Structures are given as C-alpha cells and as structure tokens.
C-alpha atoms as a PDB file:
ATOM      1  CA  MET A   1      -5.872  -4.089  30.626  1.00  0.00           C
ATOM      2  CA  ALA A   2      -6.838  -4.561  26.986  1.00  0.00           C
ATOM      3  CA  LEU A   3      -4.346  -3.744  24.250  1.00  0.00           C
ATOM      4  CA  ASN A   4      -5.349  -1.809  21.134  1.00  0.00           C
ATOM      5  CA  PRO A   5      -5.455  -4.203  18.134  1.00  0.00           C
ATOM      6  CA  LYS A   6      -5.503  -1.371  15.567  1.00  0.00           C
ATOM      7  CA  ALA A   7      -2.380   0.297  16.989  1.00  0.00           C
ATOM      8  CA  PHE A   8      -0.500  -2.991  17.238  1.00  0.00           C
ATOM      9  CA  GLY A   9      -1.609  -3.985  13.741  1.00  0.00           C
ATOM     10  CA  LEU A  10      -0.372  -0.675  12.336  1.00  0.00           C
ATOM     11  CA  ALA A  11       2.977  -1.040  14.104  1.00  0.00           C
ATOM     12  CA  CYS A  12       3.440  -4.584  12.771  1.00  0.00           C
ATOM     13  CA  GLY A  13       2.305  -3.591   9.283  1.00  0.00           C
ATOM     14  CA  ILE A  14       4.647  -0.627   9.091  1.00  0.00           C
ATOM     15  CA  LEU A  15       7.643  -2.607  10.354  1.00  0.00           C
ATOM     16  CA  TRP A  16       7.061  -5.597   8.075  1.00  0.00           C
ATOM     17  CA  GLY A  17       6.269  -3.377   5.071  1.00  0.00           C
ATOM     18  CA  ILE A  18       9.495  -1.388   5.533  1.00  0.00           C
ATOM     19  CA  THR A  19      11.458  -4.617   5.959  1.00  0.00           C
ATOM     20  CA  CYS A  20      10.086  -6.026   2.702  1.00  0.00           C
ATOM     21  CA  LEU A  21      10.750  -2.728   0.916  1.00  0.00           C
ATOM     22  CA  PHE A  22      14.390  -2.500   1.996  1.00  0.00           C
ATOM     23  CA  MET A  23      15.066  -6.169   1.348  1.00  0.00           C
ATOM     24  CA  GLY A  24      13.623  -5.775  -2.151  1.00  0.00           C
ATOM     25  CA  PHE A  25      16.059  -2.926  -2.811  1.00  0.00           C
ATOM     26  CA  LEU A  26      19.035  -4.663  -1.176  1.00  0.00           C
ATOM     27  CA  SER A  27      18.467  -7.912  -3.046  1.00  0.00           C
ATOM     28  CA  GLY A  28      19.488  -6.094  -6.231  1.00  0.00           C
ATOM     29  CA  THR A  29      23.020  -6.183  -4.812  1.00  0.00           C
ATOM     30  CA  GLY A  30      22.784  -9.894  -4.035  1.00  0.00           C
ATOM     31  CA  TYR A  31      22.269  -9.464  -0.285  1.00  0.00           C
ATOM     32  CA  GLY A  32      19.047 -11.055   0.952  1.00  0.00           C
ATOM     33  CA  LEU A  33      18.189 -12.607  -2.391  1.00  0.00           C
ATOM     34  CA  GLY A  34      17.115 -15.862  -0.715  1.00  0.00           C
ATOM     35  CA  PHE A  35      14.791 -13.930   1.592  1.00  0.00           C
ATOM     36  CA  VAL A  36      13.175 -12.112  -1.327  1.00  0.00           C
ATOM     37  CA  HIS A  37      12.749 -15.307  -3.339  1.00  0.00           C
ATOM     38  CA  GLY A  38      11.258 -17.091  -0.319  1.00  0.00           C
ATOM     39  CA  ILE A  39       8.771 -14.343   0.486  1.00  0.00           C
ATOM     40  CA  GLY A  40       8.182 -13.834  -3.244  1.00  0.00           C
ATOM     41  CA  SER A  41       6.787 -17.359  -3.401  1.00  0.00           C
ATOM     42  CA  ILE A  42       3.950 -16.085  -1.177  1.00  0.00           C
ATOM     43  CA  TYR A  43       3.647 -12.432  -2.268  1.00  0.00           C
ATOM     44  CA  ILE A  44       2.848 -12.414  -5.992  1.00  0.00           C
ATOM     45  CA  GLY A  45       5.097  -9.976  -7.865  1.00  0.00           C
ATOM     46  CA  TYR A  46       7.553  -9.418  -5.006  1.00  0.00           C
ATOM     47  CA  GLY A  47      11.127  -9.494  -6.219  1.00  0.00           C
ATOM     48  CA  PRO A  48      14.350  -7.529  -6.567  1.00  0.00           C
ATOM     49  CA  GLY A  49      14.030  -4.011  -7.940  1.00  0.00           C
ATOM     50  CA  LEU A  50      11.783  -0.986  -7.554  1.00  0.00           C
ATOM     51  CA  VAL A  51       8.422  -2.442  -8.600  1.00  0.00           C
ATOM     52  CA  GLY A  52       8.961  -5.698  -6.722  1.00  0.00           C
ATOM     53  CA  ALA A  53      10.049  -3.849  -3.581  1.00  0.00           C
ATOM     54  CA  ILE A  54       6.978  -1.606  -3.649  1.00  0.00           C
ATOM     55  CA  LEU A  55       4.678  -4.597  -4.148  1.00  0.00           C
ATOM     56  CA  GLY A  56       6.433  -6.337  -1.257  1.00  0.00           C
ATOM     57  CA  ALA A  57       5.939  -3.284   0.952  1.00  0.00           C
ATOM     58  CA  VAL A  58       2.211  -3.222   0.202  1.00  0.00           C
ATOM     59  CA  TYR A  59       1.806  -6.969   0.768  1.00  0.00           C
ATOM     60  CA  GLY A  60       3.995  -6.757   3.866  1.00  0.00           C
ATOM     61  CA  PHE A  61       1.962  -3.928   5.365  1.00  0.00           C
ATOM     62  CA  LEU A  62      -1.324  -5.760   4.802  1.00  0.00           C
ATOM     63  CA  ASP A  63       0.060  -9.054   6.078  1.00  0.00           C
ATOM     64  CA  GLY A  64       1.660  -7.443   9.131  1.00  0.00           C
ATOM     65  CA  PHE A  65      -1.440  -5.413   9.957  1.00  0.00           C
ATOM     66  CA  ILE A  66      -3.804  -8.382   9.746  1.00  0.00           C
ATOM     67  CA  GLY A  67      -1.431 -10.650  11.673  1.00  0.00           C
ATOM     68  CA  GLY A  68      -0.827  -8.082  14.421  1.00  0.00           C
ATOM     69  CA  TYR A  69      -4.512  -7.219  14.703  1.00  0.00           C
ATOM     70  CA  VAL A  70      -5.582 -10.861  15.008  1.00  0.00           C
ATOM     71  CA  PHE A  71      -2.780 -11.583  17.499  1.00  0.00           C
ATOM     72  CA  ILE A  72      -3.821  -8.793  19.883  1.00  0.00           C
ATOM     73  CA  TRP A  73      -7.532  -9.500  19.393  1.00  0.00           C
ATOM     74  CA  LEU A  74      -6.916 -13.111  20.419  1.00  0.00           C
ATOM     75  CA  TYR A  75      -4.675 -12.009  23.301  1.00  0.00           C
ATOM     76  CA  ASN A  76      -7.403  -9.686  24.616  1.00  0.00           C
ATOM     77  CA  LEU A  77      -9.993 -12.433  24.238  1.00  0.00           C
ATOM     78  CA  LEU A  78      -7.908 -14.929  26.234  1.00  0.00           C
ATOM     79  CA  GLU A  79      -6.893 -12.374  28.867  1.00  0.00           C
ATOM     80  CA  LYS A  80     -10.547 -11.835  29.850  1.00  0.00           C
ATOM     81  CA  ARG A  81     -10.834 -15.440  31.015  1.00  0.00           C
END
C-alpha cells in the first residue's frame, strides 16, 4: 500500500512550521533561545520576535514539506521492491 507523499509532506510542514513559530515567540522570554539560534544559523532571518518567528514558520513549513515528501516518496519506492 503506497502512502501519499503530498499529505505526509503537508503534515510535516505544518507541524514543523508551527513549532518554529511558537519557539520564535517563546524565545523572547529566554526559553528555547538556543534552539532558535541553532535553527537560525540555517534559516536566514529566523530569530526571537514576531518577524523572526514568522520567517521561521515559513522556512519550517517549506523544509518540513520537502523533507516529508521526499521521505515518503523514497519509502514508496523501496516498498515496491
């Protein structure tokens, strides 16, 4: 049974985007600041605050979608064998 790469990619993108968004907001309080700085070294513009959190959510959604899509595509490819 083949899994749907688009559905899995959307699920991963939404979850990772929301995670990056909330961590961007929370890091303004000091919680998760290391996480935001670490991911911010990959996602240009991601940082504490409103603008950084929104940029992180967009990057996170795209990254999660592509990663989830490729993962399930590869899984389906290998399952056929």
